[in-house]
Amino acid sequence: MNSGLQYLGIRYRFGGNSAETGFDCSGLVRRVFMDALGLNLPRTAKEMANTGERINPSELKPGDLVFFNTMRRTFSHVGIYLGDNRFLHSPSAGGKVRVESMSDDYWRTRFNGARRVVDQPELRATDTSIR
């Protein structure tokens, strides 16, 4: 999902789903998957956590979704795995889209799981309203 790297530095905005106005975590993920693969993912991190195939951390591949508990509830944050234990995400208010290491203590202790959605035909966009 290297196409998501074009959004590095875009500011965080709660509920945001565009480069012009900013992204929240799920808005960024939705945009990248729609633009790169034509996949229409659900709107929230929690809904995304119920999509695709659950995978073990040892099976992570670039493009997999990675989930974290950042708000004292499971699946409250989502990012896109890039490989080499790094992920792309839109962190929080005051932050900007960036790449971080899943090995950092903060992310390692909050990791909730991962999902693979790339080969899910039911997610192919028929409505391109988020474009």
C-alpha atoms as a PDB file:
ATOM      1  CA  MET A   1       0.000   0.000   0.000  1.00  0.00           C
ATOM      2  CA  ASN A   2       2.795   2.354  -0.835  1.00  0.00           C
ATOM      3  CA  SER A   3       0.259   4.557  -2.627  1.00  0.00           C
ATOM      4  CA  GLY A   4      -0.800   5.681   0.842  1.00  0.00           C
ATOM      5  CA  LEU A   5       2.582   7.332   1.326  1.00  0.00           C
ATOM      6  CA  GLN A   6       1.391  10.221  -0.840  1.00  0.00           C
ATOM      7  CA  TYR A   7      -0.661  11.311   2.181  1.00  0.00           C
ATOM      8  CA  LEU A   8       2.299  11.647   4.560  1.00  0.00           C
ATOM      9  CA  GLY A   9       2.039  14.932   6.428  1.00  0.00           C
ATOM     10  CA  ILE A  10      -1.719  15.420   5.921  1.00  0.00           C
ATOM     11  CA  ARG A  11      -3.194  16.589   9.207  1.00  0.00           C
ATOM     12  CA  TYR A  12      -5.483  14.527  11.409  1.00  0.00           C
ATOM     13  CA  ARG A  13      -9.142  15.486  11.457  1.00  0.00           C
ATOM     14  CA  PHE A  14     -11.777  13.551  13.392  1.00  0.00           C
ATOM     15  CA  GLY A  15     -14.231  12.135  10.851  1.00  0.00           C
ATOM     16  CA  GLY A  16     -11.987  13.327   8.015  1.00  0.00           C
ATOM     17  CA  ASN A  17     -11.743  11.412   4.772  1.00  0.00           C
ATOM     18  CA  SER A  18      -9.891  13.622   2.302  1.00  0.00           C
ATOM     19  CA  ALA A  19      -6.431  15.044   1.766  1.00  0.00           C
ATOM     20  CA  GLU A  20      -7.939  18.514   1.472  1.00  0.00           C
ATOM     21  CA  THR A  21      -9.631  18.542   4.880  1.00  0.00           C
ATOM     22  CA  GLY A  22      -7.609  15.905   6.755  1.00  0.00           C
ATOM     23  CA  PHE A  23      -7.982  12.254   7.696  1.00  0.00           C
ATOM     24  CA  ASP A  24      -8.858  10.297  10.772  1.00  0.00           C
ATOM     25  CA  CYS A  25      -7.385   6.791  10.922  1.00  0.00           C
ATOM     26  CA  SER A  26     -10.235   4.984   9.191  1.00  0.00           C
ATOM     27  CA  GLY A  27     -10.765   7.776   6.672  1.00  0.00           C
ATOM     28  CA  LEU A  28      -7.148   7.409   5.566  1.00  0.00           C
ATOM     29  CA  VAL A  29      -7.430   3.628   5.279  1.00  0.00           C
ATOM     30  CA  ARG A  30     -10.673   3.881   3.285  1.00  0.00           C
ATOM     31  CA  ARG A  31      -9.187   6.419   0.874  1.00  0.00           C
ATOM     32  CA  VAL A  32      -6.025   4.373   0.248  1.00  0.00           C
ATOM     33  CA  PHE A  33      -7.946   1.136  -0.370  1.00  0.00           C
ATOM     34  CA  MET A  34     -10.510   2.825  -2.629  1.00  0.00           C
ATOM     35  CA  ASP A  35      -7.875   4.608  -4.704  1.00  0.00           C
ATOM     36  CA  ALA A  36      -5.435   1.700  -4.951  1.00  0.00           C
ATOM     37  CA  LEU A  37      -7.775  -1.282  -5.227  1.00  0.00           C
ATOM     38  CA  GLY A  38     -11.336  -0.042  -5.611  1.00  0.00           C
ATOM     39  CA  LEU A  39     -12.268  -1.577  -2.237  1.00  0.00           C
ATOM     40  CA  ASN A  40     -15.070   0.076  -0.312  1.00  0.00           C
ATOM     41  CA  LEU A  41     -14.191  -0.509   3.349  1.00  0.00           C
ATOM     42  CA  PRO A  42     -16.512   0.295   6.259  1.00  0.00           C
ATOM     43  CA  ARG A  43     -16.243   3.760   7.829  1.00  0.00           C
ATOM     44  CA  THR A  44     -14.926   2.994  11.325  1.00  0.00           C
ATOM     45  CA  ALA A  45     -11.955   1.057  12.667  1.00  0.00           C
ATOM     46  CA  LYS A  46     -14.282  -1.158  14.697  1.00  0.00           C
ATOM     47  CA  GLU A  47     -16.325  -2.030  11.598  1.00  0.00           C
ATOM     48  CA  MET A  48     -13.136  -2.685   9.626  1.00  0.00           C
ATOM     49  CA  ALA A  49     -12.057  -5.118  12.347  1.00  0.00           C
ATOM     50  CA  ASN A  50     -14.977  -7.357  11.310  1.00  0.00           C
ATOM     51  CA  THR A  51     -14.000  -7.312   7.631  1.00  0.00           C
ATOM     52  CA  GLY A  52     -11.798  -9.730   5.752  1.00  0.00           C
ATOM     53  CA  GLU A  53      -9.743 -12.538   7.185  1.00  0.00           C
ATOM     54  CA  ARG A  54      -8.181 -12.509  10.656  1.00  0.00           C
ATOM     55  CA  ILE A  55      -4.449 -13.178  10.498  1.00  0.00           C
ATOM     56  CA  ASN A  56      -1.683 -13.798  13.000  1.00  0.00           C
ATOM     57  CA  PRO A  57       0.952 -11.091  13.469  1.00  0.00           C
ATOM     58  CA  SER A  58       3.581 -13.506  12.135  1.00  0.00           C
ATOM     59  CA  GLU A  59       1.650 -13.622   8.822  1.00  0.00           C
ATOM     60  CA  LEU A  60       1.487  -9.847   8.232  1.00  0.00           C
ATOM     61  CA  LYS A  61       1.999  -8.695   4.652  1.00  0.00           C
ATOM     62  CA  PRO A  62       2.020  -5.178   3.200  1.00  0.00           C
ATOM     63  CA  GLY A  63      -1.552  -3.991   2.778  1.00  0.00           C
ATOM     64  CA  ASP A  64      -2.943  -5.785   5.831  1.00  0.00           C
ATOM     65  CA  LEU A  65      -4.932  -3.756   8.334  1.00  0.00           C
ATOM     66  CA  VAL A  66      -3.472  -3.473  11.833  1.00  0.00           C
ATOM     67  CA  PHE A  67      -5.617  -2.526  14.827  1.00  0.00           C
ATOM     68  CA  PHE A  68      -4.834  -0.951  18.167  1.00  0.00           C
ATOM     69  CA  ASN A  69      -6.574  -0.068  21.427  1.00  0.00           C
ATOM     70  CA  THR A  70      -5.792   3.632  21.780  1.00  0.00           C
ATOM     71  CA  MET A  71      -8.964   4.806  23.510  1.00  0.00           C
ATOM     72  CA  ARG A  72      -9.453   2.103  26.148  1.00  0.00           C
ATOM     73  CA  ARG A  73     -11.564   0.080  23.733  1.00  0.00           C
ATOM     74  CA  THR A  74     -10.546  -2.587  21.290  1.00  0.00           C
ATOM     75  CA  PHE A  75     -10.167  -1.761  17.621  1.00  0.00           C
ATOM     76  CA  SER A  76     -10.269   2.001  18.221  1.00  0.00           C
ATOM     77  CA  HIS A  77      -7.395   2.698  15.809  1.00  0.00           C
ATOM     78  CA  VAL A  78      -6.425   1.260  12.420  1.00  0.00           C
ATOM     79  CA  GLY A  79      -3.429   1.542  10.123  1.00  0.00           C
ATOM     80  CA  ILE A  80      -1.997  -0.123   7.028  1.00  0.00           C
ATOM     81  CA  TYR A  81       0.917  -2.515   7.434  1.00  0.00           C
ATOM     82  CA  LEU A  82       3.836  -1.602   5.149  1.00  0.00           C
ATOM     83  CA  GLY A  83       6.321  -4.364   5.956  1.00  0.00           C
ATOM     84  CA  ASP A  84       9.390  -4.433   8.200  1.00  0.00           C
ATOM     85  CA  ASN A  85       7.124  -3.987  11.239  1.00  0.00           C
ATOM     86  CA  ARG A  86       6.071  -0.485  10.050  1.00  0.00           C
ATOM     87  CA  PHE A  87       2.592   0.892   9.460  1.00  0.00           C
ATOM     88  CA  LEU A  88       0.974   3.978   7.949  1.00  0.00           C
ATOM     89  CA  HIS A  89      -1.701   5.798   9.949  1.00  0.00           C
ATOM     90  CA  SER A  90      -3.315   9.070  10.888  1.00  0.00           C
ATOM     91  CA  PRO A  91      -2.609   9.212  14.618  1.00  0.00           C
ATOM     92  CA  SER A  92      -4.707  11.716  16.580  1.00  0.00           C
ATOM     93  CA  ALA A  93      -5.661  15.352  17.026  1.00  0.00           C
ATOM     94  CA  GLY A  94      -2.657  17.556  16.375  1.00  0.00           C
ATOM     95  CA  GLY A  95      -0.901  14.776  14.466  1.00  0.00           C
ATOM     96  CA  LYS A  96      -0.253  14.121  10.812  1.00  0.00           C
ATOM     97  CA  VAL A  97      -0.278  11.010   8.632  1.00  0.00           C
ATOM     98  CA  ARG A  98       2.969   9.181   9.285  1.00  0.00           C
ATOM     99  CA  VAL A  99       4.794   5.859   9.350  1.00  0.00           C
ATOM    100  CA  GLU A 100       5.660   4.291  12.699  1.00  0.00           C
ATOM    101  CA  SER A 101       7.144   1.089  14.013  1.00  0.00           C
ATOM    102  CA  MET A 102       4.870  -1.510  15.565  1.00  0.00           C
ATOM    103  CA  SER A 103       7.857  -2.375  17.787  1.00  0.00           C
ATOM    104  CA  ASP A 104       7.590   0.929  19.652  1.00  0.00           C
ATOM    105  CA  ASP A 105       6.359   0.249  23.180  1.00  0.00           C
ATOM    106  CA  TYR A 106       3.247   2.383  22.706  1.00  0.00           C
ATOM    107  CA  TRP A 107       2.035   0.438  19.662  1.00  0.00           C
ATOM    108  CA  ARG A 108       3.297  -2.979  20.770  1.00  0.00           C
ATOM    109  CA  THR A 109       1.310  -2.853  24.011  1.00  0.00           C
ATOM    110  CA  ARG A 110      -1.870  -1.642  22.271  1.00  0.00           C
ATOM    111  CA  PHE A 111      -1.883  -4.026  19.295  1.00  0.00           C
ATOM    112  CA  ASN A 112      -5.304  -5.734  18.937  1.00  0.00           C
ATOM    113  CA  GLY A 113      -4.914  -7.799  15.786  1.00  0.00           C
ATOM    114  CA  ALA A 114      -4.777  -7.756  12.022  1.00  0.00           C
ATOM    115  CA  ARG A 115      -7.060  -8.432   9.065  1.00  0.00           C
ATOM    116  CA  ARG A 116      -6.413  -9.147   5.400  1.00  0.00           C
ATOM    117  CA  VAL A 117      -8.966  -7.510   3.109  1.00  0.00           C
ATOM    118  CA  VAL A 118      -7.115  -7.361  -0.215  1.00  0.00           C
ATOM    119  CA  ASP A 119      -8.671 -10.537  -1.662  1.00  0.00           C
ATOM    120  CA  GLN A 120     -12.253  -9.868  -0.560  1.00  0.00           C
ATOM    121  CA  PRO A 121     -14.482  -9.569  -3.678  1.00  0.00           C
ATOM    122  CA  GLU A 122     -17.490  -8.471  -1.604  1.00  0.00           C
ATOM    123  CA  LEU A 123     -15.661  -5.212  -0.891  1.00  0.00           C
ATOM    124  CA  ARG A 124     -15.273  -4.237  -4.545  1.00  0.00           C
ATOM    125  CA  ALA A 125     -16.799  -0.813  -4.886  1.00  0.00           C
ATOM    126  CA  THR A 126     -20.007  -0.522  -6.811  1.00  0.00           C
ATOM    127  CA  ASP A 127     -20.708   2.887  -5.319  1.00  0.00           C
ATOM    128  CA  THR A 128     -17.769   5.235  -5.704  1.00  0.00           C
ATOM    129  CA  SER A 129     -19.267   8.042  -3.628  1.00  0.00           C
ATOM    130  CA  ILE A 130     -16.154   8.374  -1.471  1.00  0.00           C
ATOM    131  CA  ARG A 131     -13.977   9.213  -4.471  1.00  0.00           C
END
